[in-house]
Amino acid sequence: MLHVTLTIQFAAVARAQQEPKVSKSSKEDKDKAEARFKRKEVQARDATSAMAEYEATKAATRKNTERLRALRLAKEAEDARLAAIEAAKPKAEKPAKKKAAVKKKG
């Protein structure tokens, strides 16, 4: 008989552990669910604004990079043009230097 009683008690404990735990207050559960929902809503709104900010920054960086590239290419073209003009100029021959006479002391 003792064995049967212990088995029944053990089964009752096991069943109690498997059953879902019911919260003491449904208002408390409702408040937690609302808070969770609001937090998720704020996160979604923040994610949307963060993505828009990221895209705007990316577009501004791309625009600035294109502007700087255009300036660099224009400068390189001007430098090449000036180098071509300089290379095309006839070079004036330098007069030969006269060798100074070295006097020997004697």
N, C-alpha and C. Protein backbone atom coordinates (compact mmCIF):
# COMPACT_ATOMS: atom_id res chain seq x y z
N MET A 1 0.81 -1.19 0.00
CA MET A 1 0.00 0.00 0.00
C MET A 1 0.86 1.26 0.00
N LEU A 2 1.92 1.21 0.74
CA LEU A 2 2.83 2.35 0.83
C LEU A 2 3.42 2.65 -0.55
N HIS A 3 3.73 1.61 -1.26
CA HIS A 3 4.29 1.76 -2.60
C HIS A 3 3.31 2.46 -3.54
N VAL A 4 2.07 2.11 -3.50
CA VAL A 4 1.05 2.71 -4.35
C VAL A 4 0.86 4.19 -3.98
N THR A 5 0.86 4.50 -2.70
CA THR A 5 0.69 5.87 -2.23
C THR A 5 1.85 6.74 -2.71
N LEU A 6 3.07 6.24 -2.61
CA LEU A 6 4.24 7.00 -3.05
C LEU A 6 4.21 7.20 -4.56
N THR A 7 3.79 6.21 -5.30
CA THR A 7 3.71 6.31 -6.75
C THR A 7 2.69 7.36 -7.16
N ILE A 8 1.56 7.40 -6.48
CA ILE A 8 0.53 8.38 -6.79
C ILE A 8 1.03 9.79 -6.46
N GLN A 9 1.69 9.93 -5.35
CA GLN A 9 2.22 11.24 -4.97
C GLN A 9 3.30 11.69 -5.96
N PHE A 10 4.14 10.77 -6.36
CA PHE A 10 5.20 11.09 -7.32
C PHE A 10 4.59 11.50 -8.65
N ALA A 11 3.55 10.82 -9.09
CA ALA A 11 2.86 11.15 -10.34
C ALA A 11 2.22 12.52 -10.26
N ALA A 12 1.66 12.86 -9.11
CA ALA A 12 1.03 14.17 -8.93
C ALA A 12 2.08 15.28 -9.01
N VAL A 13 3.24 15.06 -8.43
CA VAL A 13 4.32 16.06 -8.48
C VAL A 13 4.80 16.21 -9.91
N ALA A 14 4.97 15.12 -10.62
CA ALA A 14 5.43 15.18 -12.01
C ALA A 14 4.41 15.90 -12.88
N ARG A 15 3.13 15.65 -12.68
CA ARG A 15 2.08 16.31 -13.44
C ARG A 15 2.07 17.82 -13.16
N ALA A 16 2.28 18.19 -11.92
CA ALA A 16 2.29 19.60 -11.54
C ALA A 16 3.44 20.33 -12.22
N GLN A 17 4.57 19.65 -12.38
CA GLN A 17 5.71 20.27 -13.04
C GLN A 17 5.48 20.44 -14.53
N GLN A 18 4.71 19.57 -15.14
CA GLN A 18 4.46 19.64 -16.57
C GLN A 18 3.40 20.65 -16.93
N GLU A 19 2.47 20.94 -16.05
CA GLU A 19 1.40 21.88 -16.34
C GLU A 19 1.96 23.30 -16.46
N PRO A 20 1.42 24.08 -17.37
CA PRO A 20 1.91 25.45 -17.49
C PRO A 20 1.54 26.25 -16.24
N LYS A 21 2.45 27.10 -15.86
CA LYS A 21 2.21 27.89 -14.67
C LYS A 21 1.32 29.07 -15.02
N VAL A 22 0.32 29.26 -14.24
CA VAL A 22 -0.63 30.33 -14.47
C VAL A 22 -0.20 31.51 -13.61
N SER A 23 -0.20 32.68 -14.22
CA SER A 23 0.22 33.87 -13.49
C SER A 23 -0.83 34.24 -12.45
N LYS A 24 -0.40 34.90 -11.42
CA LYS A 24 -1.31 35.26 -10.35
C LYS A 24 -2.25 36.38 -10.76
N SER A 25 -1.78 37.24 -11.62
CA SER A 25 -2.59 38.41 -11.96
C SER A 25 -2.67 38.58 -13.47
N SER A 26 -3.87 38.58 -14.00
CA SER A 26 -4.01 38.78 -15.44
C SER A 26 -3.73 40.23 -15.82
N LYS A 27 -3.97 41.17 -14.89
CA LYS A 27 -3.66 42.58 -15.16
C LYS A 27 -2.15 42.74 -15.31
N GLU A 28 -1.41 42.05 -14.48
CA GLU A 28 0.06 42.11 -14.55
C GLU A 28 0.54 41.57 -15.91
N ASP A 29 -0.06 40.47 -16.35
CA ASP A 29 0.29 39.90 -17.65
C ASP A 29 -0.05 40.87 -18.77
N LYS A 30 -1.20 41.51 -18.66
CA LYS A 30 -1.62 42.46 -19.68
C LYS A 30 -0.65 43.65 -19.74
N ASP A 31 -0.24 44.14 -18.58
CA ASP A 31 0.71 45.26 -18.53
C ASP A 31 2.06 44.88 -19.14
N LYS A 32 2.51 43.68 -18.85
CA LYS A 32 3.78 43.21 -19.41
C LYS A 32 3.69 43.09 -20.92
N ALA A 33 2.56 42.56 -21.40
CA ALA A 33 2.37 42.40 -22.84
C ALA A 33 2.31 43.76 -23.53
N GLU A 34 1.64 44.72 -22.93
CA GLU A 34 1.59 46.07 -23.50
C GLU A 34 2.97 46.71 -23.54
N ALA A 35 3.72 46.55 -22.46
CA ALA A 35 5.08 47.11 -22.41
C ALA A 35 5.95 46.47 -23.49
N ARG A 36 5.84 45.16 -23.65
CA ARG A 36 6.60 44.46 -24.67
C ARG A 36 6.22 44.96 -26.07
N PHE A 37 4.93 45.12 -26.29
CA PHE A 37 4.44 45.60 -27.59
C PHE A 37 4.96 47.01 -27.87
N LYS A 38 4.89 47.89 -26.88
CA LYS A 38 5.37 49.27 -27.06
C LYS A 38 6.87 49.29 -27.34
N ARG A 39 7.60 48.44 -26.63
CA ARG A 39 9.05 48.38 -26.83
C ARG A 39 9.37 47.92 -28.25
N LYS A 40 8.66 46.92 -28.73
CA LYS A 40 8.86 46.44 -30.10
C LYS A 40 8.48 47.52 -31.12
N GLU A 41 7.41 48.25 -30.83
CA GLU A 41 6.97 49.32 -31.71
C GLU A 41 8.04 50.42 -31.81
N VAL A 42 8.60 50.79 -30.67
CA VAL A 42 9.67 51.81 -30.64
C VAL A 42 10.90 51.30 -31.39
N GLN A 43 11.24 50.03 -31.21
CA GLN A 43 12.39 49.46 -31.90
C GLN A 43 12.18 49.49 -33.41
N ALA A 44 10.98 49.17 -33.85
CA ALA A 44 10.68 49.18 -35.29
C ALA A 44 10.79 50.61 -35.84
N ARG A 45 10.27 51.59 -35.10
CA ARG A 45 10.34 52.98 -35.53
C ARG A 45 11.80 53.45 -35.58
N ASP A 46 12.57 53.09 -34.56
CA ASP A 46 13.99 53.46 -34.52
C ASP A 46 14.76 52.81 -35.68
N ALA A 47 14.42 51.57 -35.97
CA ALA A 47 15.10 50.88 -37.07
C ALA A 47 14.82 51.57 -38.39
N THR A 48 13.58 52.01 -38.59
CA THR A 48 13.22 52.69 -39.83
C THR A 48 13.97 54.01 -39.95
N SER A 49 14.02 54.78 -38.87
CA SER A 49 14.72 56.08 -38.93
C SER A 49 16.22 55.88 -39.06
N ALA A 50 16.76 54.85 -38.41
CA ALA A 50 18.20 54.57 -38.53
C ALA A 50 18.56 54.19 -39.96
N MET A 51 17.70 53.40 -40.60
CA MET A 51 17.97 53.00 -41.99
C MET A 51 17.90 54.21 -42.91
N ALA A 52 16.94 55.10 -42.68
CA ALA A 52 16.83 56.30 -43.50
C ALA A 52 18.07 57.18 -43.32
N GLU A 53 18.54 57.31 -42.09
CA GLU A 53 19.75 58.10 -41.82
C GLU A 53 20.96 57.48 -42.50
N TYR A 54 21.06 56.16 -42.43
CA TYR A 54 22.16 55.44 -43.06
C TYR A 54 22.16 55.67 -44.57
N GLU A 55 20.99 55.56 -45.19
CA GLU A 55 20.88 55.76 -46.64
C GLU A 55 21.24 57.20 -47.02
N ALA A 56 20.81 58.19 -46.21
CA ALA A 56 21.13 59.59 -46.50
C ALA A 56 22.63 59.83 -46.39
N THR A 57 23.25 59.27 -45.38
CA THR A 57 24.70 59.41 -45.21
C THR A 57 25.44 58.77 -46.37
N LYS A 58 24.97 57.60 -46.77
CA LYS A 58 25.59 56.89 -47.89
C LYS A 58 25.49 57.70 -49.18
N ALA A 59 24.32 58.31 -49.42
CA ALA A 59 24.13 59.13 -50.63
C ALA A 59 25.02 60.36 -50.59
N ALA A 60 25.14 61.01 -49.43
CA ALA A 60 25.99 62.19 -49.29
C ALA A 60 27.46 61.83 -49.52
N THR A 61 27.88 60.69 -49.00
CA THR A 61 29.26 60.25 -49.19
C THR A 61 29.53 59.97 -50.67
N ARG A 62 28.59 59.31 -51.33
CA ARG A 62 28.74 59.01 -52.76
C ARG A 62 28.84 60.30 -53.57
N LYS A 63 28.00 61.29 -53.25
CA LYS A 63 28.00 62.56 -53.97
C LYS A 63 29.33 63.28 -53.76
N ASN A 64 29.83 63.29 -52.52
CA ASN A 64 31.10 63.96 -52.23
C ASN A 64 32.25 63.25 -52.94
N THR A 65 32.21 61.92 -52.97
CA THR A 65 33.26 61.16 -53.64
C THR A 65 33.29 61.49 -55.14
N GLU A 66 32.11 61.57 -55.75
CA GLU A 66 32.04 61.92 -57.17
C GLU A 66 32.58 63.32 -57.42
N ARG A 67 32.26 64.26 -56.53
CA ARG A 67 32.76 65.64 -56.68
C ARG A 67 34.28 65.67 -56.57
N LEU A 68 34.82 64.99 -55.57
CA LEU A 68 36.28 64.97 -55.39
C LEU A 68 36.98 64.27 -56.55
N ARG A 69 36.38 63.21 -57.07
CA ARG A 69 36.96 62.51 -58.22
C ARG A 69 37.01 63.44 -59.44
N ALA A 70 35.94 64.19 -59.66
CA ALA A 70 35.90 65.12 -60.79
C ALA A 70 36.98 66.20 -60.64
N LEU A 71 37.13 66.71 -59.42
CA LEU A 71 38.19 67.71 -59.18
C LEU A 71 39.58 67.13 -59.44
N ARG A 72 39.80 65.90 -58.96
CA ARG A 72 41.11 65.26 -59.15
C ARG A 72 41.39 65.04 -60.63
N LEU A 73 40.41 64.54 -61.37
CA LEU A 73 40.61 64.29 -62.80
C LEU A 73 40.86 65.60 -63.56
N ALA A 74 40.16 66.67 -63.18
CA ALA A 74 40.38 67.97 -63.83
C ALA A 74 41.80 68.47 -63.55
N LYS A 75 42.27 68.30 -62.31
CA LYS A 75 43.62 68.74 -61.96
C LYS A 75 44.66 67.92 -62.71
N GLU A 76 44.45 66.60 -62.79
CA GLU A 76 45.39 65.75 -63.52
C GLU A 76 45.42 66.13 -65.00
N ALA A 77 44.27 66.44 -65.57
CA ALA A 77 44.22 66.84 -66.98
C ALA A 77 44.95 68.16 -67.19
N GLU A 78 44.76 69.10 -66.29
CA GLU A 78 45.45 70.40 -66.38
C GLU A 78 46.96 70.23 -66.23
N ASP A 79 47.37 69.38 -65.27
CA ASP A 79 48.80 69.11 -65.09
C ASP A 79 49.40 68.47 -66.34
N ALA A 80 48.69 67.54 -66.96
CA ALA A 80 49.18 66.88 -68.17
C ALA A 80 49.27 67.89 -69.32
N ARG A 81 48.28 68.80 -69.41
CA ARG A 81 48.30 69.83 -70.45
C ARG A 81 49.50 70.75 -70.26
N LEU A 82 49.74 71.17 -69.02
CA LEU A 82 50.88 72.05 -68.75
C LEU A 82 52.21 71.34 -69.01
N ALA A 83 52.28 70.07 -68.69
CA ALA A 83 53.50 69.30 -68.93
C ALA A 83 53.75 69.17 -70.43
N ALA A 84 52.69 68.98 -71.22
CA ALA A 84 52.84 68.87 -72.67
C ALA A 84 53.31 70.20 -73.26
N ILE A 85 52.77 71.30 -72.75
CA ILE A 85 53.19 72.62 -73.24
C ILE A 85 54.65 72.86 -72.89
N GLU A 86 55.03 72.49 -71.68
CA GLU A 86 56.41 72.68 -71.24
C GLU A 86 57.37 71.82 -72.07
N ALA A 87 56.95 70.62 -72.41
CA ALA A 87 57.80 69.73 -73.19
C ALA A 87 57.92 70.22 -74.64
N ALA A 88 56.91 70.91 -75.13
CA ALA A 88 56.92 71.38 -76.51
C ALA A 88 57.78 72.64 -76.70
N LYS A 89 58.04 73.37 -75.64
CA LYS A 89 58.86 74.59 -75.75
C LYS A 89 60.28 74.21 -76.11
N PRO A 90 60.87 74.99 -77.02
CA PRO A 90 62.28 74.70 -77.33
C PRO A 90 63.14 75.12 -76.14
N LYS A 91 64.08 74.28 -75.87
CA LYS A 91 64.95 74.57 -74.74
C LYS A 91 66.11 75.44 -75.20
N ALA A 92 66.37 76.48 -74.47
CA ALA A 92 67.49 77.36 -74.79
C ALA A 92 68.77 76.67 -74.35
N GLU A 93 69.76 76.74 -75.24
CA GLU A 93 71.01 76.10 -74.89
C GLU A 93 71.76 76.99 -73.92
N LYS A 94 72.34 76.36 -72.97
CA LYS A 94 73.09 77.11 -71.97
C LYS A 94 74.48 77.40 -72.53
N PRO A 95 74.96 78.61 -72.30
CA PRO A 95 76.33 78.92 -72.77
C PRO A 95 77.34 78.06 -72.02
N ALA A 96 78.37 77.66 -72.75
CA ALA A 96 79.39 76.81 -72.15
C ALA A 96 80.17 77.62 -71.13
N LYS A 97 80.48 77.02 -70.06
CA LYS A 97 81.25 77.71 -69.01
C LYS A 97 82.72 77.72 -69.40
N LYS A 98 83.30 78.84 -69.13
CA LYS A 98 84.74 78.96 -69.39
C LYS A 98 85.48 78.38 -68.21
N LYS A 99 86.50 77.66 -68.58
CA LYS A 99 87.29 77.07 -67.51
C LYS A 99 88.24 78.14 -66.98
N ALA A 100 88.28 78.21 -65.73
CA ALA A 100 89.16 79.20 -65.10
C ALA A 100 90.60 78.67 -65.14
N ALA A 101 91.49 79.57 -65.43
CA ALA A 101 92.88 79.20 -65.49
C ALA A 101 93.41 79.02 -64.08
N VAL A 102 94.10 77.98 -63.91
CA VAL A 102 94.66 77.72 -62.58
C VAL A 102 96.11 78.18 -62.62
N LYS A 103 96.41 79.08 -61.72
CA LYS A 103 97.78 79.61 -61.66
C LYS A 103 98.60 78.74 -60.72
N LYS A 104 99.79 78.46 -61.18
CA LYS A 104 100.65 77.64 -60.34
C LYS A 104 101.63 78.57 -59.63
N LYS A 105 101.79 78.32 -58.41
CA LYS A 105 102.76 79.10 -57.64
C LYS A 105 104.11 78.39 -57.77
N GLY A 106 105.05 79.14 -57.99
CA GLY A 106 106.28 78.48 -58.25
C GLY A 106 107.47 78.92 -57.63
